[in-house]
Amino acid sequence: MHVHSDATRIRQVLHNLISNAAKYNRPGGEVRVVVSRMEDGFTRIAVADDGPGIPDDARERLYEPFNRLGREASQVKGTGVGLTISRRIADALGARLDHASGAEGGTTFWFDLPPGDHLVGDV
């Protein structure tokens, strides 16, 4: 699979998703990265972890700057801007960024890159 896009911005989004999957995982959990072609021609890069999951009611707050969903007091370091920046990059690329969590835990974030050539504008 080939995608023509801004490699620096794609790396930035993937670094954030993989870093979050590792930080918020459970001890001994795995982080999995899968690349696949979607039926609509987009290329999906999915990052999955075995962590506690994200409640449905936190879905949109997750992308608010500096909102760590109550994890501010935890030992997990972060500022709460990574997903905000990642979503802005996705929007600038014409890409999609979303996630799903299972009832038993675990979260998968995906970054869908559109077919064709796309360059990043201001993010």
C-alpha atoms as a PDB file:
ATOM      1  CA  MET A   1       0.000   0.000   0.000  1.00  0.00           C
ATOM      2  CA  HIS A   2       1.198   3.478  -0.819  1.00  0.00           C
ATOM      3  CA  VAL A   3      -0.073   6.760   0.542  1.00  0.00           C
ATOM      4  CA  HIS A   4       1.148  10.112  -0.717  1.00  0.00           C
ATOM      5  CA  SER A   5       0.907  12.567   2.146  1.00  0.00           C
ATOM      6  CA  ASP A   6       2.917  14.598   4.636  1.00  0.00           C
ATOM      7  CA  ALA A   7       5.228  12.042   6.257  1.00  0.00           C
ATOM      8  CA  THR A   8       6.137  14.308   9.172  1.00  0.00           C
ATOM      9  CA  ARG A   9       2.492  14.835  10.140  1.00  0.00           C
ATOM     10  CA  ILE A  10       1.656  11.155   9.740  1.00  0.00           C
ATOM     11  CA  ARG A  11       4.588  10.260  12.018  1.00  0.00           C
ATOM     12  CA  GLN A  12       3.378  12.830  14.556  1.00  0.00           C
ATOM     13  CA  VAL A  13      -0.107  11.287  14.699  1.00  0.00           C
ATOM     14  CA  LEU A  14       1.222   7.721  14.843  1.00  0.00           C
ATOM     15  CA  HIS A  15       3.742   8.626  17.549  1.00  0.00           C
ATOM     16  CA  ASN A  16       0.932  10.066  19.651  1.00  0.00           C
ATOM     17  CA  LEU A  17      -1.399   7.092  19.148  1.00  0.00           C
ATOM     18  CA  ILE A  18       1.305   4.514  19.886  1.00  0.00           C
ATOM     19  CA  SER A  19       2.606   6.499  22.868  1.00  0.00           C
ATOM     20  CA  ASN A  20      -0.923   6.772  24.325  1.00  0.00           C
ATOM     21  CA  ALA A  21      -1.545   3.053  23.768  1.00  0.00           C
ATOM     22  CA  ALA A  22       1.639   2.231  25.694  1.00  0.00           C
ATOM     23  CA  LYS A  23       1.006   4.767  28.504  1.00  0.00           C
ATOM     24  CA  TYR A  24      -2.611   3.829  29.139  1.00  0.00           C
ATOM     25  CA  ASN A  25      -2.203   0.087  28.686  1.00  0.00           C
ATOM     26  CA  ARG A  26      -2.433  -2.413  31.516  1.00  0.00           C
ATOM     27  CA  PRO A  27       0.740  -4.058  32.890  1.00  0.00           C
ATOM     28  CA  GLY A  28       1.707  -6.859  30.517  1.00  0.00           C
ATOM     29  CA  GLY A  29      -0.708  -5.595  27.861  1.00  0.00           C
ATOM     30  CA  GLU A  30       0.102  -5.419  24.180  1.00  0.00           C
ATOM     31  CA  VAL A  31       0.066  -2.599  21.638  1.00  0.00           C
ATOM     32  CA  ARG A  32      -0.839  -3.695  18.113  1.00  0.00           C
ATOM     33  CA  VAL A  33      -0.526  -1.689  14.895  1.00  0.00           C
ATOM     34  CA  VAL A  34      -2.417  -2.899  11.812  1.00  0.00           C
ATOM     35  CA  VAL A  35      -2.500  -1.280   8.374  1.00  0.00           C
ATOM     36  CA  SER A  36      -5.323  -2.125   5.982  1.00  0.00           C
ATOM     37  CA  ARG A  37      -7.080  -0.780   2.904  1.00  0.00           C
ATOM     38  CA  MET A  38     -10.702   0.195   3.465  1.00  0.00           C
ATOM     39  CA  GLU A  39     -13.475  -0.382   0.919  1.00  0.00           C
ATOM     40  CA  ASP A  40     -13.711   3.373   0.248  1.00  0.00           C
ATOM     41  CA  GLY A  41     -10.015   3.500  -0.737  1.00  0.00           C
ATOM     42  CA  PHE A  42      -8.773   5.001   2.525  1.00  0.00           C
ATOM     43  CA  THR A  43      -5.742   3.410   4.185  1.00  0.00           C
ATOM     44  CA  ARG A  44      -6.414   2.635   7.855  1.00  0.00           C
ATOM     45  CA  ILE A  45      -3.666   2.564  10.439  1.00  0.00           C
ATOM     46  CA  ALA A  46      -5.149   1.138  13.638  1.00  0.00           C
ATOM     47  CA  VAL A  47      -3.420   1.181  17.021  1.00  0.00           C
ATOM     48  CA  ALA A  48      -4.962  -1.102  19.656  1.00  0.00           C
ATOM     49  CA  ASP A  49      -4.154  -1.641  23.329  1.00  0.00           C
ATOM     50  CA  ASP A  50      -5.370  -3.829  26.194  1.00  0.00           C
ATOM     51  CA  GLY A  51      -5.942  -0.961  28.639  1.00  0.00           C
ATOM     52  CA  PRO A  52      -9.072  -0.172  30.636  1.00  0.00           C
ATOM     53  CA  GLY A  53     -10.890   1.438  27.704  1.00  0.00           C
ATOM     54  CA  ILE A  54     -12.578   4.806  27.342  1.00  0.00           C
ATOM     55  CA  PRO A  55     -16.185   5.301  28.469  1.00  0.00           C
ATOM     56  CA  ASP A  56     -18.687   6.264  25.754  1.00  0.00           C
ATOM     57  CA  ASP A  57     -19.637   9.441  27.625  1.00  0.00           C
ATOM     58  CA  ALA A  58     -16.028  10.669  27.313  1.00  0.00           C
ATOM     59  CA  ARG A  59     -15.941  10.247  23.526  1.00  0.00           C
ATOM     60  CA  GLU A  60     -15.852  13.928  22.466  1.00  0.00           C
ATOM     61  CA  ARG A  61     -14.139  15.254  25.604  1.00  0.00           C
ATOM     62  CA  LEU A  62     -11.194  13.074  24.617  1.00  0.00           C
ATOM     63  CA  TYR A  63     -10.299  15.541  21.851  1.00  0.00           C
ATOM     64  CA  GLU A  64     -10.571  18.682  24.010  1.00  0.00           C
ATOM     65  CA  PRO A  65      -7.211  20.329  24.717  1.00  0.00           C
ATOM     66  CA  PHE A  66      -5.789  19.673  28.207  1.00  0.00           C
ATOM     67  CA  ASN A  67      -8.627  17.277  29.106  1.00  0.00           C
ATOM     68  CA  ARG A  68      -7.055  14.108  30.488  1.00  0.00           C
ATOM     69  CA  LEU A  69     -10.412  12.660  31.598  1.00  0.00           C
ATOM     70  CA  GLY A  70      -9.508  12.697  35.276  1.00  0.00           C
ATOM     71  CA  ARG A  71      -6.041  11.199  34.825  1.00  0.00           C
ATOM     72  CA  GLU A  72      -4.296  14.436  35.811  1.00  0.00           C
ATOM     73  CA  ALA A  73      -3.455  13.003  39.233  1.00  0.00           C
ATOM     74  CA  SER A  74      -2.222   9.678  37.849  1.00  0.00           C
ATOM     75  CA  GLN A  75       1.398   8.721  37.381  1.00  0.00           C
ATOM     76  CA  VAL A  76       0.906   8.737  33.604  1.00  0.00           C
ATOM     77  CA  LYS A  77       2.689  11.787  32.226  1.00  0.00           C
ATOM     78  CA  GLY A  78       1.063  13.963  29.602  1.00  0.00           C
ATOM     79  CA  THR A  79      -0.540  17.327  28.940  1.00  0.00           C
ATOM     80  CA  GLY A  80      -3.723  16.281  27.165  1.00  0.00           C
ATOM     81  CA  VAL A  81      -3.004  17.946  23.818  1.00  0.00           C
ATOM     82  CA  GLY A  82      -1.798  14.987  21.726  1.00  0.00           C
ATOM     83  CA  LEU A  83      -5.219  13.883  20.504  1.00  0.00           C
ATOM     84  CA  THR A  84      -6.296  17.481  19.896  1.00  0.00           C
ATOM     85  CA  ILE A  85      -3.272  18.048  17.667  1.00  0.00           C
ATOM     86  CA  SER A  86      -3.729  14.657  16.008  1.00  0.00           C
ATOM     87  CA  ARG A  87      -7.342  15.425  15.133  1.00  0.00           C
ATOM     88  CA  ARG A  88      -6.351  18.802  13.654  1.00  0.00           C
ATOM     89  CA  ILE A  89      -3.679  17.109  11.546  1.00  0.00           C
ATOM     90  CA  ALA A  90      -6.203  14.495  10.399  1.00  0.00           C
ATOM     91  CA  ASP A  91      -8.651  17.223   9.403  1.00  0.00           C
ATOM     92  CA  ALA A  92      -5.929  19.113   7.493  1.00  0.00           C
ATOM     93  CA  LEU A  93      -4.981  15.922   5.620  1.00  0.00           C
ATOM     94  CA  GLY A  94      -8.586  15.069   4.767  1.00  0.00           C
ATOM     95  CA  ALA A  95      -8.121  12.015   6.994  1.00  0.00           C
ATOM     96  CA  ARG A  96     -10.302  10.507   9.726  1.00  0.00           C
ATOM     97  CA  LEU A  97      -9.302   9.948  13.344  1.00  0.00           C
ATOM     98  CA  ASP A  98     -11.589   8.032  15.683  1.00  0.00           C
ATOM     99  CA  HIS A  99     -11.633   5.274  18.264  1.00  0.00           C
ATOM    100  CA  ALA A 100     -13.656   2.480  19.819  1.00  0.00           C
ATOM    101  CA  SER A 101     -13.408   0.778  23.193  1.00  0.00           C
ATOM    102  CA  GLY A 102     -14.647  -2.663  24.117  1.00  0.00           C
ATOM    103  CA  ALA A 103     -16.975  -3.389  27.013  1.00  0.00           C
ATOM    104  CA  GLU A 104     -14.226  -5.484  28.628  1.00  0.00           C
ATOM    105  CA  GLY A 105     -11.571  -2.835  28.039  1.00  0.00           C
ATOM    106  CA  GLY A 106      -9.054  -2.207  25.324  1.00  0.00           C
ATOM    107  CA  THR A 107      -9.157   0.693  22.896  1.00  0.00           C
ATOM    108  CA  THR A 108      -8.431   0.975  19.197  1.00  0.00           C
ATOM    109  CA  PHE A 109      -7.653   4.325  17.603  1.00  0.00           C
ATOM    110  CA  TRP A 110      -7.587   4.532  13.845  1.00  0.00           C
ATOM    111  CA  PHE A 111      -6.170   7.061  11.453  1.00  0.00           C
ATOM    112  CA  ASP A 112      -7.693   6.738   7.967  1.00  0.00           C
ATOM    113  CA  LEU A 113      -5.683   8.377   5.191  1.00  0.00           C
ATOM    114  CA  PRO A 114      -7.574   9.268   2.008  1.00  0.00           C
ATOM    115  CA  PRO A 115      -6.573   7.973  -1.397  1.00  0.00           C
ATOM    116  CA  GLY A 116      -4.581  10.352  -3.603  1.00  0.00           C
ATOM    117  CA  ASP A 117      -2.092  13.110  -2.854  1.00  0.00           C
ATOM    118  CA  HIS A 118      -2.734  15.370   0.123  1.00  0.00           C
ATOM    119  CA  LEU A 119      -0.577  18.037   1.676  1.00  0.00           C
ATOM    120  CA  VAL A 120      -0.978  19.542   5.126  1.00  0.00           C
ATOM    121  CA  GLY A 121      -2.148  23.126   5.382  1.00  0.00           C
ATOM    122  CA  ASP A 122      -2.122  25.081   8.607  1.00  0.00           C
ATOM    123  CA  VAL A 123      -2.872  22.934  11.640  1.00  0.00           C
END
